[in-house]
Amino acid sequence: MRDNGKGGALTEVTFYILLSLYTPRHGYAIMQFIEEKTAGRLSLGAGTLYGALNALQKKGWIAFHGDNEGRKKEYLITKAGKEIAKKELLRLQELIQVATEIIGEG
């Protein structure tokens, strides 16, 4: 996973996963959230999603939520994950501002 928490850009998939986990969700619900929010432009396979979830857990950006004793394990964004998501939002806003100044609003 190419995400850099030290000011670099997150991948689009990582950012959407973090956004999806402001509400506790299990894997399939995360996939549905991303597909819905991108109008089907992004569609994650299970292998891609669970690889990303494992990497985000290792970074401390997400964690299991609740007892997770059933088949469907729920995840939730952590405080560190929220800080990373906020940094990414600010980075994207800056990018849009610069691009708008150069390209115009068309």
N, C-alpha and C. Protein backbone atom coordinates (compact mmCIF):
# COMPACT_ATOMS: atom_id res chain seq x y z
N MET A 1 0.85 -1.18 0.00
CA MET A 1 0.00 0.00 0.00
C MET A 1 0.89 1.24 0.00
N ARG A 2 0.65 2.15 -0.92
CA ARG A 2 1.53 3.29 -1.14
C ARG A 2 1.18 4.51 -0.30
N ASP A 3 0.36 4.39 0.69
CA ASP A 3 -0.09 5.55 1.44
C ASP A 3 0.98 6.07 2.38
N ASN A 4 1.07 7.37 2.42
CA ASN A 4 2.08 8.02 3.26
C ASN A 4 1.37 8.91 4.27
N GLY A 5 1.45 8.59 5.51
CA GLY A 5 0.81 9.37 6.55
C GLY A 5 1.57 10.62 6.92
N LYS A 6 2.71 10.86 6.32
CA LYS A 6 3.54 12.00 6.68
C LYS A 6 3.40 13.14 5.67
N GLY A 7 2.19 13.35 5.19
CA GLY A 7 1.96 14.46 4.29
C GLY A 7 1.81 14.08 2.84
N GLY A 8 2.08 12.84 2.51
CA GLY A 8 1.92 12.40 1.13
C GLY A 8 0.47 12.04 0.85
N ALA A 9 0.20 11.79 -0.40
CA ALA A 9 -1.16 11.47 -0.82
C ALA A 9 -1.55 10.05 -0.42
N LEU A 10 -2.82 9.89 -0.07
CA LEU A 10 -3.39 8.56 0.13
C LEU A 10 -3.88 8.06 -1.22
N THR A 11 -3.97 6.75 -1.37
CA THR A 11 -4.63 6.24 -2.57
C THR A 11 -6.12 6.54 -2.42
N GLU A 12 -6.80 6.60 -3.55
CA GLU A 12 -8.23 6.88 -3.53
C GLU A 12 -8.98 5.80 -2.73
N VAL A 13 -8.60 4.55 -2.94
CA VAL A 13 -9.25 3.45 -2.23
C VAL A 13 -9.07 3.59 -0.72
N THR A 14 -7.86 3.89 -0.28
CA THR A 14 -7.61 4.05 1.15
C THR A 14 -8.46 5.17 1.73
N PHE A 15 -8.53 6.29 1.02
CA PHE A 15 -9.32 7.42 1.51
C PHE A 15 -10.79 7.03 1.63
N TYR A 16 -11.32 6.34 0.63
CA TYR A 16 -12.71 5.90 0.71
C TYR A 16 -12.93 4.90 1.84
N ILE A 17 -11.99 4.01 2.07
CA ILE A 17 -12.13 3.06 3.19
C ILE A 17 -12.19 3.83 4.50
N LEU A 18 -11.27 4.77 4.69
CA LEU A 18 -11.29 5.56 5.93
C LEU A 18 -12.61 6.30 6.09
N LEU A 19 -13.09 6.92 5.01
CA LEU A 19 -14.36 7.64 5.08
C LEU A 19 -15.52 6.71 5.42
N SER A 20 -15.49 5.51 4.86
CA SER A 20 -16.58 4.56 5.12
C SER A 20 -16.63 4.14 6.58
N LEU A 21 -15.50 4.22 7.26
CA LEU A 21 -15.43 3.69 8.62
C LEU A 21 -15.65 4.74 9.71
N TYR A 22 -16.18 5.90 9.33
CA TYR A 22 -16.66 6.83 10.35
C TYR A 22 -17.91 6.25 11.01
N THR A 23 -18.50 5.26 10.34
CA THR A 23 -19.59 4.45 10.89
C THR A 23 -19.08 3.01 10.88
N PRO A 24 -19.27 2.25 11.96
CA PRO A 24 -18.79 0.86 11.96
C PRO A 24 -19.38 0.07 10.79
N ARG A 25 -18.52 -0.65 10.09
CA ARG A 25 -18.98 -1.45 8.94
C ARG A 25 -18.16 -2.74 8.84
N HIS A 26 -18.79 -3.76 8.30
CA HIS A 26 -18.07 -4.99 7.95
C HIS A 26 -17.62 -4.88 6.51
N GLY A 27 -16.82 -5.83 6.07
CA GLY A 27 -16.20 -5.76 4.75
C GLY A 27 -17.15 -5.54 3.60
N TYR A 28 -18.22 -6.32 3.52
CA TYR A 28 -19.14 -6.18 2.40
C TYR A 28 -19.80 -4.80 2.41
N ALA A 29 -20.12 -4.29 3.59
CA ALA A 29 -20.73 -2.96 3.69
C ALA A 29 -19.75 -1.87 3.23
N ILE A 30 -18.46 -2.07 3.49
CA ILE A 30 -17.44 -1.13 3.01
C ILE A 30 -17.42 -1.14 1.48
N MET A 31 -17.43 -2.33 0.89
CA MET A 31 -17.45 -2.43 -0.57
C MET A 31 -18.69 -1.75 -1.15
N GLN A 32 -19.84 -1.95 -0.53
CA GLN A 32 -21.08 -1.33 -1.00
C GLN A 32 -21.00 0.20 -0.89
N PHE A 33 -20.47 0.70 0.23
CA PHE A 33 -20.33 2.14 0.45
C PHE A 33 -19.50 2.76 -0.67
N ILE A 34 -18.35 2.15 -0.95
CA ILE A 34 -17.44 2.70 -1.96
C ILE A 34 -18.08 2.66 -3.34
N GLU A 35 -18.70 1.56 -3.67
CA GLU A 35 -19.34 1.45 -4.98
C GLU A 35 -20.47 2.47 -5.12
N GLU A 36 -21.24 2.65 -4.06
CA GLU A 36 -22.35 3.61 -4.08
C GLU A 36 -21.83 5.05 -4.20
N LYS A 37 -20.86 5.41 -3.38
CA LYS A 37 -20.35 6.79 -3.37
C LYS A 37 -19.63 7.16 -4.65
N THR A 38 -19.10 6.18 -5.37
CA THR A 38 -18.39 6.46 -6.63
C THR A 38 -19.26 6.12 -7.85
N ALA A 39 -20.53 5.85 -7.62
CA ALA A 39 -21.47 5.49 -8.70
C ALA A 39 -20.92 4.33 -9.54
N GLY A 40 -20.27 3.38 -8.87
CA GLY A 40 -19.77 2.18 -9.54
C GLY A 40 -18.41 2.33 -10.19
N ARG A 41 -17.83 3.53 -10.14
CA ARG A 41 -16.50 3.75 -10.75
C ARG A 41 -15.44 2.91 -10.05
N LEU A 42 -15.55 2.79 -8.73
CA LEU A 42 -14.65 1.93 -7.96
C LEU A 42 -15.43 0.75 -7.43
N SER A 43 -14.92 -0.43 -7.69
CA SER A 43 -15.54 -1.66 -7.21
C SER A 43 -14.41 -2.56 -6.71
N LEU A 44 -14.38 -2.79 -5.42
CA LEU A 44 -13.29 -3.56 -4.82
C LEU A 44 -13.62 -5.04 -4.73
N GLY A 45 -12.65 -5.85 -5.02
CA GLY A 45 -12.77 -7.27 -4.77
C GLY A 45 -12.43 -7.57 -3.32
N ALA A 46 -12.83 -8.71 -2.85
CA ALA A 46 -12.59 -9.07 -1.46
C ALA A 46 -11.11 -9.10 -1.11
N GLY A 47 -10.29 -9.64 -2.00
CA GLY A 47 -8.85 -9.72 -1.73
C GLY A 47 -8.21 -8.35 -1.58
N THR A 48 -8.58 -7.43 -2.46
CA THR A 48 -8.07 -6.06 -2.39
C THR A 48 -8.51 -5.40 -1.10
N LEU A 49 -9.79 -5.53 -0.78
CA LEU A 49 -10.33 -4.88 0.41
C LEU A 49 -9.67 -5.42 1.67
N TYR A 50 -9.62 -6.73 1.83
CA TYR A 50 -9.09 -7.28 3.08
C TYR A 50 -7.59 -7.07 3.21
N GLY A 51 -6.88 -7.02 2.09
CA GLY A 51 -5.46 -6.65 2.14
C GLY A 51 -5.30 -5.22 2.64
N ALA A 52 -6.14 -4.32 2.14
CA ALA A 52 -6.10 -2.92 2.56
C ALA A 52 -6.49 -2.78 4.03
N LEU A 53 -7.52 -3.50 4.46
CA LEU A 53 -7.95 -3.44 5.86
C LEU A 53 -6.83 -3.91 6.79
N ASN A 54 -6.15 -4.98 6.42
CA ASN A 54 -5.04 -5.47 7.24
C ASN A 54 -3.92 -4.43 7.33
N ALA A 55 -3.60 -3.80 6.20
CA ALA A 55 -2.55 -2.78 6.19
C ALA A 55 -2.95 -1.58 7.05
N LEU A 56 -4.21 -1.17 6.96
CA LEU A 56 -4.68 -0.02 7.74
C LEU A 56 -4.71 -0.33 9.24
N GLN A 57 -5.02 -1.58 9.58
CA GLN A 57 -4.97 -1.99 10.98
C GLN A 57 -3.53 -1.92 11.50
N LYS A 58 -2.58 -2.40 10.71
CA LYS A 58 -1.18 -2.38 11.13
C LYS A 58 -0.68 -0.95 11.34
N LYS A 59 -1.19 -0.01 10.55
CA LYS A 59 -0.81 1.40 10.70
C LYS A 59 -1.52 2.06 11.88
N GLY A 60 -2.54 1.39 12.41
CA GLY A 60 -3.29 1.96 13.53
C GLY A 60 -4.35 2.96 13.09
N TRP A 61 -4.71 2.95 11.81
CA TRP A 61 -5.69 3.90 11.29
C TRP A 61 -7.12 3.39 11.42
N ILE A 62 -7.29 2.07 11.54
CA ILE A 62 -8.60 1.46 11.79
C ILE A 62 -8.42 0.37 12.83
N ALA A 63 -9.53 -0.04 13.43
CA ALA A 63 -9.49 -1.12 14.43
C ALA A 63 -10.81 -1.89 14.36
N PHE A 64 -10.78 -3.09 14.93
CA PHE A 64 -12.03 -3.83 15.05
C PHE A 64 -12.96 -3.07 15.97
N HIS A 65 -14.26 -3.22 15.72
CA HIS A 65 -15.28 -2.57 16.54
C HIS A 65 -16.19 -3.65 17.11
N GLY A 66 -16.48 -3.54 18.39
CA GLY A 66 -17.39 -4.50 19.02
C GLY A 66 -16.69 -5.80 19.35
N ASP A 67 -17.49 -6.84 19.58
CA ASP A 67 -16.93 -8.13 20.01
C ASP A 67 -16.31 -8.93 18.87
N ASN A 68 -16.82 -8.78 17.65
CA ASN A 68 -16.28 -9.45 16.47
C ASN A 68 -16.16 -10.96 16.61
N GLU A 69 -17.09 -11.54 17.34
CA GLU A 69 -17.06 -13.00 17.50
C GLU A 69 -17.80 -13.72 16.38
N GLY A 70 -18.66 -12.99 15.65
CA GLY A 70 -19.40 -13.60 14.54
C GLY A 70 -18.56 -13.62 13.28
N ARG A 71 -19.19 -14.03 12.19
CA ARG A 71 -18.49 -14.07 10.90
C ARG A 71 -18.17 -12.69 10.38
N LYS A 72 -19.09 -11.75 10.58
CA LYS A 72 -18.90 -10.40 10.05
C LYS A 72 -18.20 -9.52 11.07
N LYS A 73 -16.93 -9.27 10.84
CA LYS A 73 -16.16 -8.43 11.73
C LYS A 73 -16.34 -6.98 11.30
N GLU A 74 -16.66 -6.13 12.26
CA GLU A 74 -16.84 -4.71 11.96
C GLU A 74 -15.56 -3.94 12.28
N TYR A 75 -15.33 -2.92 11.48
CA TYR A 75 -14.16 -2.05 11.63
C TYR A 75 -14.64 -0.63 11.88
N LEU A 76 -13.76 0.18 12.49
CA LEU A 76 -14.06 1.58 12.77
C LEU A 76 -12.77 2.37 12.66
N ILE A 77 -12.85 3.58 12.14
CA ILE A 77 -11.68 4.44 12.03
C ILE A 77 -11.20 4.83 13.43
N THR A 78 -9.91 4.94 13.63
CA THR A 78 -9.34 5.35 14.91
C THR A 78 -9.08 6.86 14.91
N LYS A 79 -8.66 7.38 16.04
CA LYS A 79 -8.29 8.79 16.13
C LYS A 79 -7.16 9.11 15.14
N ALA A 80 -6.17 8.23 15.07
CA ALA A 80 -5.06 8.42 14.13
C ALA A 80 -5.57 8.40 12.68
N GLY A 81 -6.50 7.51 12.38
CA GLY A 81 -7.08 7.43 11.05
C GLY A 81 -7.84 8.69 10.69
N LYS A 82 -8.55 9.25 11.67
CA LYS A 82 -9.28 10.50 11.43
C LYS A 82 -8.32 11.64 11.14
N GLU A 83 -7.19 11.67 11.83
CA GLU A 83 -6.18 12.71 11.57
C GLU A 83 -5.63 12.58 10.15
N ILE A 84 -5.38 11.35 9.72
CA ILE A 84 -4.89 11.11 8.36
C ILE A 84 -5.94 11.52 7.33
N ALA A 85 -7.20 11.17 7.57
CA ALA A 85 -8.27 11.53 6.64
C ALA A 85 -8.43 13.05 6.55
N LYS A 86 -8.31 13.73 7.67
CA LYS A 86 -8.42 15.19 7.67
C LYS A 86 -7.26 15.82 6.89
N LYS A 87 -6.05 15.30 7.06
CA LYS A 87 -4.89 15.79 6.30
C LYS A 87 -5.11 15.59 4.81
N GLU A 88 -5.68 14.45 4.44
CA GLU A 88 -5.94 14.18 3.03
C GLU A 88 -6.99 15.15 2.48
N LEU A 89 -8.01 15.42 3.25
CA LEU A 89 -9.03 16.37 2.82
C LEU A 89 -8.41 17.75 2.59
N LEU A 90 -7.57 18.20 3.51
CA LEU A 90 -6.91 19.49 3.35
C LEU A 90 -6.00 19.50 2.12
N ARG A 91 -5.29 18.40 1.88
CA ARG A 91 -4.42 18.29 0.71
C ARG A 91 -5.23 18.40 -0.57
N LEU A 92 -6.37 17.71 -0.61
CA LEU A 92 -7.22 17.74 -1.80
C LEU A 92 -7.84 19.12 -2.01
N GLN A 93 -8.22 19.80 -0.93
CA GLN A 93 -8.77 21.14 -1.04
C GLN A 93 -7.72 22.11 -1.61
N GLU A 94 -6.49 21.96 -1.16
CA GLU A 94 -5.40 22.79 -1.67
C GLU A 94 -5.18 22.52 -3.16
N LEU A 95 -5.20 21.27 -3.53
CA LEU A 95 -5.04 20.88 -4.93
C LEU A 95 -6.14 21.49 -5.79
N ILE A 96 -7.37 21.42 -5.33
CA ILE A 96 -8.50 21.99 -6.07
C ILE A 96 -8.36 23.50 -6.19
N GLN A 97 -7.92 24.15 -5.13
CA GLN A 97 -7.74 25.60 -5.16
C GLN A 97 -6.70 26.00 -6.21
N VAL A 98 -5.57 25.33 -6.22
CA VAL A 98 -4.51 25.64 -7.19
C VAL A 98 -4.98 25.34 -8.61
N ALA A 99 -5.63 24.19 -8.80
CA ALA A 99 -6.10 23.82 -10.13
C ALA A 99 -7.15 24.81 -10.63
N THR A 100 -8.02 25.25 -9.74
CA THR A 100 -9.06 26.22 -10.12
C THR A 100 -8.43 27.55 -10.52
N GLU A 101 -7.40 27.96 -9.81
CA GLU A 101 -6.70 29.20 -10.16
C GLU A 101 -6.07 29.10 -11.55
N ILE A 102 -5.54 27.94 -11.88
CA ILE A 102 -4.84 27.76 -13.14
C ILE A 102 -5.81 27.47 -14.29
N ILE A 103 -6.70 26.55 -14.09
CA ILE A 103 -7.60 26.10 -15.15
C ILE A 103 -8.85 26.98 -15.22
N GLY A 104 -9.30 27.44 -14.09
CA GLY A 104 -10.56 28.16 -14.02
C GLY A 104 -11.67 27.19 -13.66
N GLU A 105 -12.84 27.76 -13.45
CA GLU A 105 -13.97 26.93 -13.02
C GLU A 105 -14.73 26.35 -14.20
N GLY A 106 -14.41 26.78 -15.42
CA GLY A 106 -15.00 26.22 -16.63
C GLY A 106 -16.45 26.11 -16.56
